[in-house]
Amino acid sequence: MHMKQPASENGLTFRRVYHYPFWQIERTEKRWEWDVARTVFDPESVDQKEANRFYNYWRKRLFNRSVPEDDDGFIYMPLQGRLLN
């Protein structure tokens, strides 16, 4: 199902995640119940070199510009449909 409740308990829902080609496939359409929404972010566990490579690649591909050294502009912050349980 695309962005809808799965038709059965064995069904899944999917939706594009902000920019193609990223998709999220889950057992529920309720984004606030997805694993990614419930995961605690630990910045120490991030490989900084790989994160920078990923960020630079997608920024250039999506917005056709590289990242300036002093870039302190806007960020994209994904919001869930429900902020509190």
PDB file of N, CA and C in Angstrom:
ATOM      1  N   MET A   1       0.849  -1.172   0.000  1.00  0.00           N
ATOM      2  CA  MET A   1       0.000   0.000   0.000  1.00  0.00           C
ATOM      3  C   MET A   1       0.894   1.235   0.000  1.00  0.00           C
ATOM      4  N   HIS A   2       0.525   2.212  -0.767  1.00  0.00           N
ATOM      5  CA  HIS A   2       1.306   3.442  -0.815  1.00  0.00           C
ATOM      6  C   HIS A   2       0.716   4.453   0.162  1.00  0.00           C
ATOM      7  N   MET A   3       1.419   4.671   1.287  1.00  0.00           N
ATOM      8  CA  MET A   3       1.044   5.651   2.306  1.00  0.00           C
ATOM      9  C   MET A   3      -0.337   5.382   2.914  1.00  0.00           C
ATOM     10  N   LYS A   4      -0.745   4.131   2.929  1.00  0.00           N
ATOM     11  CA  LYS A   4      -2.041   3.759   3.510  1.00  0.00           C
ATOM     12  C   LYS A   4      -1.849   2.554   4.417  1.00  0.00           C
ATOM     13  N   GLN A   5      -2.828   2.341   5.259  1.00  0.00           N
ATOM     14  CA  GLN A   5      -2.788   1.180   6.143  1.00  0.00           C
ATOM     15  C   GLN A   5      -2.720  -0.087   5.298  1.00  0.00           C
ATOM     16  N   PRO A   6      -1.802  -1.018   5.646  1.00  0.00           N
ATOM     17  CA  PRO A   6      -1.742  -2.274   4.898  1.00  0.00           C
ATOM     18  C   PRO A   6      -3.077  -3.014   4.949  1.00  0.00           C
ATOM     19  N   ALA A   7      -3.374  -3.731   3.889  1.00  0.00           N
ATOM     20  CA  ALA A   7      -4.665  -4.413   3.767  1.00  0.00           C
ATOM     21  C   ALA A   7      -4.797  -5.619   4.698  1.00  0.00           C
ATOM     22  N   SER A   8      -3.674  -6.172   5.155  1.00  0.00           N
ATOM     23  CA  SER A   8      -3.718  -7.324   6.055  1.00  0.00           C
ATOM     24  C   SER A   8      -2.534  -7.264   7.009  1.00  0.00           C
ATOM     25  N   GLU A   9      -2.516  -8.166   7.983  1.00  0.00           N
ATOM     26  CA  GLU A   9      -1.410  -8.175   8.945  1.00  0.00           C
ATOM     27  C   GLU A   9      -0.081  -8.553   8.300  1.00  0.00           C
ATOM     28  N   ASN A  10      -0.112  -9.163   7.134  1.00  0.00           N
ATOM     29  CA  ASN A  10       1.116  -9.510   6.418  1.00  0.00           C
ATOM     30  C   ASN A  10       1.500  -8.455   5.381  1.00  0.00           C
ATOM     31  N   GLY A  11       0.703  -7.406   5.268  1.00  0.00           N
ATOM     32  CA  GLY A  11       0.959  -6.362   4.282  1.00  0.00           C
ATOM     33  C   GLY A  11       1.962  -5.333   4.778  1.00  0.00           C
ATOM     34  N   LEU A  12       2.441  -4.533   3.862  1.00  0.00           N
ATOM     35  CA  LEU A  12       3.383  -3.460   4.159  1.00  0.00           C
ATOM     36  C   LEU A  12       2.911  -2.171   3.511  1.00  0.00           C
ATOM     37  N   THR A  13       3.406  -1.061   4.006  1.00  0.00           N
ATOM     38  CA  THR A  13       3.148   0.229   3.385  1.00  0.00           C
ATOM     39  C   THR A  13       4.479   0.833   2.982  1.00  0.00           C
ATOM     40  N   PHE A  14       4.468   1.651   1.970  1.00  0.00           N
ATOM     41  CA  PHE A  14       5.699   2.313   1.559  1.00  0.00           C
ATOM     42  C   PHE A  14       5.402   3.745   1.180  1.00  0.00           C
ATOM     43  N   ARG A  15       6.429   4.577   1.281  1.00  0.00           N
ATOM     44  CA  ARG A  15       6.318   5.970   0.860  1.00  0.00           C
ATOM     45  C   ARG A  15       7.699   6.481   0.510  1.00  0.00           C
ATOM     46  N   ARG A  16       7.705   7.420  -0.394  1.00  0.00           N
ATOM     47  CA  ARG A  16       8.965   8.062  -0.746  1.00  0.00           C
ATOM     48  C   ARG A  16       9.417   8.897   0.449  1.00  0.00           C
ATOM     49  N   VAL A  17      10.691   8.858   0.752  1.00  0.00           N
ATOM     50  CA  VAL A  17      11.225   9.577   1.902  1.00  0.00           C
ATOM     51  C   VAL A  17      11.901  10.849   1.411  1.00  0.00           C
ATOM     52  N   TYR A  18      11.125  11.899   1.262  1.00  0.00           N
ATOM     53  CA  TYR A  18      11.561  13.264   0.949  1.00  0.00           C
ATOM     54  C   TYR A  18      12.199  13.446  -0.424  1.00  0.00           C
ATOM     55  N   HIS A  19      13.124  12.606  -0.814  1.00  0.00           N
ATOM     56  CA  HIS A  19      13.746  12.736  -2.130  1.00  0.00           C
ATOM     57  C   HIS A  19      13.948  11.367  -2.741  1.00  0.00           C
ATOM     58  N   TYR A  20      13.583  11.246  -4.015  1.00  0.00           N
ATOM     59  CA  TYR A  20      13.883  10.027  -4.759  1.00  0.00           C
ATOM     60  C   TYR A  20      15.391   9.861  -4.749  1.00  0.00           C
ATOM     61  N   PRO A  21      15.955   8.710  -4.622  1.00  0.00           N
ATOM     62  CA  PRO A  21      15.363   7.379  -4.726  1.00  0.00           C
ATOM     63  C   PRO A  21      15.120   6.702  -3.392  1.00  0.00           C
ATOM     64  N   PHE A  22      14.943   7.442  -2.328  1.00  0.00           N
ATOM     65  CA  PHE A  22      14.801   6.846  -1.004  1.00  0.00           C
ATOM     66  C   PHE A  22      13.344   6.529  -0.690  1.00  0.00           C
ATOM     67  N   TRP A  23      13.119   5.311  -0.217  1.00  0.00           N
ATOM     68  CA  TRP A  23      11.783   4.846   0.135  1.00  0.00           C
ATOM     69  C   TRP A  23      11.819   4.217   1.522  1.00  0.00           C
ATOM     70  N   GLN A  24      10.722   4.279   2.220  1.00  0.00           N
ATOM     71  CA  GLN A  24      10.571   3.639   3.523  1.00  0.00           C
ATOM     72  C   GLN A  24       9.513   2.567   3.379  1.00  0.00           C
ATOM     73  N   ILE A  25       9.812   1.372   3.840  1.00  0.00           N
ATOM     74  CA  ILE A  25       8.865   0.255   3.794  1.00  0.00           C
ATOM     75  C   ILE A  25       8.627  -0.188   5.233  1.00  0.00           C
ATOM     76  N   GLU A  26       7.388  -0.174   5.665  1.00  0.00           N
ATOM     77  CA  GLU A  26       7.054  -0.444   7.059  1.00  0.00           C
ATOM     78  C   GLU A  26       5.782  -1.281   7.164  1.00  0.00           C
ATOM     79  N   ARG A  27       5.505  -1.756   8.368  1.00  0.00           N
ATOM     80  CA  ARG A  27       4.291  -2.528   8.637  1.00  0.00           C
ATOM     81  C   ARG A  27       3.085  -1.634   8.930  1.00  0.00           C
ATOM     82  N   THR A  28       3.323  -0.342   9.156  1.00  0.00           N
ATOM     83  CA  THR A  28       2.239   0.589   9.457  1.00  0.00           C
ATOM     84  C   THR A  28       2.427   1.884   8.672  1.00  0.00           C
ATOM     85  N   GLU A  29       1.338   2.571   8.406  1.00  0.00           N
ATOM     86  CA  GLU A  29       1.410   3.869   7.722  1.00  0.00           C
ATOM     87  C   GLU A  29       1.696   5.002   8.711  1.00  0.00           C
ATOM     88  N   LYS A  30       1.654   4.716   9.998  1.00  0.00           N
ATOM     89  CA  LYS A  30       1.859   5.714  11.045  1.00  0.00           C
ATOM     90  C   LYS A  30       3.358   5.974  11.217  1.00  0.00           C
ATOM     91  N   ARG A  31       3.845   7.061  10.634  1.00  0.00           N
ATOM     92  CA  ARG A  31       5.286   7.342  10.641  1.00  0.00           C
ATOM     93  C   ARG A  31       5.850   7.453  12.044  1.00  0.00           C
ATOM     94  N   TRP A  32       5.067   7.909  12.997  1.00  0.00           N
ATOM     95  CA  TRP A  32       5.559   8.044  14.367  1.00  0.00           C
ATOM     96  C   TRP A  32       5.790   6.686  15.026  1.00  0.00           C
ATOM     97  N   GLU A  33       5.347   5.604  14.411  1.00  0.00           N
ATOM     98  CA  GLU A  33       5.597   4.263  14.936  1.00  0.00           C
ATOM     99  C   GLU A  33       6.745   3.556  14.214  1.00  0.00           C
ATOM    100  N   TRP A  34       7.325   4.162  13.204  1.00  0.00           N
ATOM    101  CA  TRP A  34       8.423   3.539  12.467  1.00  0.00           C
ATOM    102  C   TRP A  34       9.663   3.453  13.344  1.00  0.00           C
ATOM    103  N   ASP A  35      10.479   2.456  13.094  1.00  0.00           N
ATOM    104  CA  ASP A  35      11.724   2.285  13.849  1.00  0.00           C
ATOM    105  C   ASP A  35      12.587   3.542  13.807  1.00  0.00           C
ATOM    106  N   VAL A  36      12.687   4.161  12.644  1.00  0.00           N
ATOM    107  CA  VAL A  36      13.545   5.343  12.508  1.00  0.00           C
ATOM    108  C   VAL A  36      13.047   6.493  13.379  1.00  0.00           C
ATOM    109  N   ALA A  37      11.745   6.592  13.597  1.00  0.00           N
ATOM    110  CA  ALA A  37      11.198   7.662  14.438  1.00  0.00           C
ATOM    111  C   ALA A  37      11.441   7.388  15.917  1.00  0.00           C
ATOM    112  N   ARG A  38      11.623   6.131  16.273  1.00  0.00           N
ATOM    113  CA  ARG A  38      11.813   5.754  17.676  1.00  0.00           C
ATOM    114  C   ARG A  38      13.285   5.525  18.037  1.00  0.00           C
ATOM    115  N   THR A  39      14.164   5.630  17.071  1.00  0.00           N
ATOM    116  CA  THR A  39      15.581   5.377  17.312  1.00  0.00           C
ATOM    117  C   THR A  39      16.260   6.599  17.918  1.00  0.00           C
ATOM    118  N   VAL A  40      17.038   6.371  18.956  1.00  0.00           N
ATOM    119  CA  VAL A  40      17.805   7.440  19.592  1.00  0.00           C
ATOM    120  C   VAL A  40      19.059   7.690  18.755  1.00  0.00           C
ATOM    121  N   PHE A  41      19.311   8.947  18.433  1.00  0.00           N
ATOM    122  CA  PHE A  41      20.482   9.302  17.627  1.00  0.00           C
ATOM    123  C   PHE A  41      21.714   9.389  18.514  1.00  0.00           C
ATOM    124  N   ASP A  42      22.758   8.651  18.140  1.00  0.00           N
ATOM    125  CA  ASP A  42      24.030   8.679  18.853  1.00  0.00           C
ATOM    126  C   ASP A  42      25.092   9.217  17.896  1.00  0.00           C
ATOM    127  N   PRO A  43      25.439  10.505  17.986  1.00  0.00           N
ATOM    128  CA  PRO A  43      26.392  11.097  17.045  1.00  0.00           C
ATOM    129  C   PRO A  43      27.775  10.443  17.094  1.00  0.00           C
ATOM    130  N   GLU A  44      28.121   9.821  18.210  1.00  0.00           N
ATOM    131  CA  GLU A  44      29.425   9.156  18.327  1.00  0.00           C
ATOM    132  C   GLU A  44      29.507   7.918  17.443  1.00  0.00           C
ATOM    133  N   SER A  45      28.372   7.361  17.066  1.00  0.00           N
ATOM    134  CA  SER A  45      28.371   6.141  16.253  1.00  0.00           C
ATOM    135  C   SER A  45      28.456   6.426  14.757  1.00  0.00           C
ATOM    136  N   VAL A  46      28.469   7.698  14.366  1.00  0.00           N
ATOM    137  CA  VAL A  46      28.475   8.074  12.949  1.00  0.00           C
ATOM    138  C   VAL A  46      29.902   8.173  12.432  1.00  0.00           C
ATOM    139  N   ASP A  47      30.168   7.507  11.313  1.00  0.00           N
ATOM    140  CA  ASP A  47      31.456   7.637  10.634  1.00  0.00           C
ATOM    141  C   ASP A  47      31.439   8.986   9.915  1.00  0.00           C
ATOM    142  N   GLN A  48      32.158   9.960  10.449  1.00  0.00           N
ATOM    143  CA  GLN A  48      32.109  11.332   9.937  1.00  0.00           C
ATOM    144  C   GLN A  48      32.543  11.424   8.477  1.00  0.00           C
ATOM    145  N   LYS A  49      33.555  10.680   8.094  1.00  0.00           N
ATOM    146  CA  LYS A  49      34.031  10.707   6.709  1.00  0.00           C
ATOM    147  C   LYS A  49      32.939  10.204   5.754  1.00  0.00           C
ATOM    148  N   GLU A  50      32.302   9.108   6.116  1.00  0.00           N
ATOM    149  CA  GLU A  50      31.229   8.553   5.283  1.00  0.00           C
ATOM    150  C   GLU A  50      30.015   9.474   5.274  1.00  0.00           C
ATOM    151  N   ALA A  51      29.675  10.069   6.412  1.00  0.00           N
ATOM    152  CA  ALA A  51      28.543  11.000   6.475  1.00  0.00           C
ATOM    153  C   ALA A  51      28.794  12.209   5.585  1.00  0.00           C
ATOM    154  N   ASN A  52      29.992  12.750   5.606  1.00  0.00           N
ATOM    155  CA  ASN A  52      30.329  13.896   4.750  1.00  0.00           C
ATOM    156  C   ASN A  52      30.273  13.528   3.275  1.00  0.00           C
ATOM    157  N   ARG A  53      30.764  12.335   2.922  1.00  0.00           N
ATOM    158  CA  ARG A  53      30.712  11.886   1.527  1.00  0.00           C
ATOM    159  C   ARG A  53      29.264  11.779   1.060  1.00  0.00           C
ATOM    160  N   PHE A  54      28.412  11.149   1.875  1.00  0.00           N
ATOM    161  CA  PHE A  54      27.000  10.985   1.558  1.00  0.00           C
ATOM    162  C   PHE A  54      26.323  12.349   1.394  1.00  0.00           C
ATOM    163  N   TYR A  55      26.557  13.228   2.344  1.00  0.00           N
ATOM    164  CA  TYR A  55      25.959  14.563   2.321  1.00  0.00           C
ATOM    165  C   TYR A  55      26.391  15.341   1.087  1.00  0.00           C
ATOM    166  N   ASN A  56      27.673  15.377   0.805  1.00  0.00           N
ATOM    167  CA  ASN A  56      28.175  16.121  -0.354  1.00  0.00           C
ATOM    168  C   ASN A  56      27.629  15.571  -1.669  1.00  0.00           C
ATOM    169  N   TYR A  57      27.581  14.256  -1.794  1.00  0.00           N
ATOM    170  CA  TYR A  57      27.063  13.636  -3.011  1.00  0.00           C
ATOM    171  C   TYR A  57      25.608  14.044  -3.255  1.00  0.00           C
ATOM    172  N   TRP A  58      24.763  13.887  -2.228  1.00  0.00           N
ATOM    173  CA  TRP A  58      23.344  14.169  -2.416  1.00  0.00           C
ATOM    174  C   TRP A  58      23.055  15.653  -2.529  1.00  0.00           C
ATOM    175  N   ARG A  59      23.788  16.485  -1.858  1.00  0.00           N
ATOM    176  CA  ARG A  59      23.566  17.923  -2.009  1.00  0.00           C
ATOM    177  C   ARG A  59      23.874  18.349  -3.436  1.00  0.00           C
ATOM    178  N   LYS A  60      24.972  17.860  -3.972  1.00  0.00           N
ATOM    179  CA  LYS A  60      25.328  18.211  -5.350  1.00  0.00           C
ATOM    180  C   LYS A  60      24.299  17.641  -6.336  1.00  0.00           C
ATOM    181  N   ARG A  61      23.875  16.404  -6.127  1.00  0.00           N
ATOM    182  CA  ARG A  61      22.917  15.779  -7.052  1.00  0.00           C
ATOM    183  C   ARG A  61      21.550  16.449  -6.987  1.00  0.00           C
ATOM    184  N   LEU A  62      21.061  16.736  -5.792  1.00  0.00           N
ATOM    185  CA  LEU A  62      19.718  17.289  -5.644  1.00  0.00           C
ATOM    186  C   LEU A  62      19.646  18.788  -5.902  1.00  0.00           C
ATOM    187  N   PHE A  63      20.690  19.509  -5.540  1.00  0.00           N
ATOM    188  CA  PHE A  63      20.631  20.962  -5.610  1.00  0.00           C
ATOM    189  C   PHE A  63      21.687  21.555  -6.524  1.00  0.00           C
ATOM    190  N   ASN A  64      22.459  20.680  -7.176  1.00  0.00           N
ATOM    191  CA  ASN A  64      23.459  21.079  -8.162  1.00  0.00           C
ATOM    192  C   ASN A  64      24.447  22.111  -7.613  1.00  0.00           C
ATOM    193  N   ARG A  65      24.882  21.889  -6.382  1.00  0.00           N
ATOM    194  CA  ARG A  65      25.930  22.732  -5.843  1.00  0.00           C
ATOM    195  C   ARG A  65      26.701  21.968  -4.777  1.00  0.00           C
ATOM    196  N   SER A  66      27.973  22.248  -4.711  1.00  0.00           N
ATOM    197  CA  SER A  66      28.780  21.602  -3.690  1.00  0.00           C
ATOM    198  C   SER A  66      28.636  22.359  -2.375  1.00  0.00           C
ATOM    199  N   VAL A  67      29.185  21.815  -1.335  1.00  0.00           N
ATOM    200  CA  VAL A  67      29.045  22.396  -0.008  1.00  0.00           C
ATOM    201  C   VAL A  67      30.220  23.337   0.266  1.00  0.00           C
ATOM    202  N   PRO A  68      29.953  24.631   0.455  1.00  0.00           N
ATOM    203  CA  PRO A  68      31.042  25.540   0.809  1.00  0.00           C
ATOM    204  C   PRO A  68      31.564  25.223   2.208  1.00  0.00           C
ATOM    205  N   GLU A  69      32.830  25.510   2.456  1.00  0.00           N
ATOM    206  CA  GLU A  69      33.434  25.241   3.759  1.00  0.00           C
ATOM    207  C   GLU A  69      32.699  25.943   4.890  1.00  0.00           C
ATOM    208  N   ASP A  70      32.219  27.140   4.656  1.00  0.00           N
ATOM    209  CA  ASP A  70      31.581  27.927   5.717  1.00  0.00           C
ATOM    210  C   ASP A  70      30.053  27.861   5.664  1.00  0.00           C
ATOM    211  N   ASP A  71      29.511  26.801   5.082  1.00  0.00           N
ATOM    212  CA  ASP A  71      28.067  26.682   4.934  1.00  0.00           C
ATOM    213  C   ASP A  71      27.400  26.526   6.297  1.00  0.00           C
ATOM    214  N   ASP A  72      26.613  27.502   6.683  1.00  0.00           N
ATOM    215  CA  ASP A  72      25.844  27.418   7.924  1.00  0.00           C
ATOM    216  C   ASP A  72      24.390  27.809   7.659  1.00  0.00           C
ATOM    217  N   GLY A  73      23.903  27.401   6.493  1.00  0.00           N
ATOM    218  CA  GLY A  73      22.560  27.776   6.067  1.00  0.00           C
ATOM    219  C   GLY A  73      21.496  26.843   6.585  1.00  0.00           C
ATOM    220  N   PHE A  74      20.443  26.694   5.813  1.00  0.00           N
ATOM    221  CA  PHE A  74      19.290  25.901   6.205  1.00  0.00           C
ATOM    222  C   PHE A  74      19.615  24.416   6.212  1.00  0.00           C
ATOM    223  N   ILE A  75      18.869  23.672   7.024  1.00  0.00           N
ATOM    224  CA  ILE A  75      18.941  22.219   7.017  1.00  0.00           C
ATOM    225  C   ILE A  75      17.542  21.689   6.740  1.00  0.00           C
ATOM    226  N   TYR A  76      17.471  20.459   6.265  1.00  0.00           N
ATOM    227  CA  TYR A  76      16.186  19.790   6.097  1.00  0.00           C
ATOM    228  C   TYR A  76      15.969  18.923   7.316  1.00  0.00           C
ATOM    229  N   MET A  77      14.877  19.166   8.035  1.00  0.00           N
ATOM    230  CA  MET A  77      14.570  18.442   9.253  1.00  0.00           C
ATOM    231  C   MET A  77      13.291  17.645   9.020  1.00  0.00           C
ATOM    232  N   PRO A  78      13.396  16.322   8.942  1.00  0.00           N
ATOM    233  CA  PRO A  78      12.185  15.540   8.751  1.00  0.00           C
ATOM    234  C   PRO A  78      11.304  15.594  10.000  1.00  0.00           C
ATOM    235  N   LEU A  79      10.034  15.839   9.800  1.00  0.00           N
ATOM    236  CA  LEU A  79       9.085  15.887  10.909  1.00  0.00           C
ATOM    237  C   LEU A  79       8.106  14.744  10.772  1.00  0.00           C
ATOM    238  N   GLN A  80       7.737  14.172  11.877  1.00  0.00           N
ATOM    239  CA  GLN A  80       6.759  13.107  11.873  1.00  0.00           C
ATOM    240  C   GLN A  80       5.369  13.726  11.944  1.00  0.00           C
ATOM    241  N   GLY A  81       4.372  12.943  11.591  1.00  0.00           N
ATOM    242  CA  GLY A  81       3.003  13.436  11.644  1.00  0.00           C
ATOM    243  C   GLY A  81       2.486  13.580  13.061  1.00  0.00           C
ATOM    244  N   ARG A  82       3.205  13.025  14.005  1.00  0.00           N
ATOM    245  CA  ARG A  82       2.784  13.075  15.395  1.00  0.00           C
ATOM    246  C   ARG A  82       4.029  13.231  16.246  1.00  0.00           C
ATOM    247  N   LEU A  83       4.127  14.292  17.013  1.00  0.00           N
ATOM    248  CA  LEU A  83       5.340  14.579  17.760  1.00  0.00           C
ATOM    249  C   LEU A  83       5.368  13.952  19.145  1.00  0.00           C
ATOM    250  N   LEU A  84       4.228  13.721  19.749  1.00  0.00           N
ATOM    251  CA  LEU A  84       4.157  13.126  21.072  1.00  0.00           C
ATOM    252  C   LEU A  84       3.262  11.895  21.055  1.00  0.00           C
ATOM    253  N   ASN A  85       3.586  10.925  21.894  1.00  0.00           N
ATOM    254  CA  ASN A  85       2.738   9.728  21.984  1.00  0.00           C
ATOM    255  C   ASN A  85       1.644   9.926  22.984  1.00  0.00           C
TER     256      ASN A  85
END
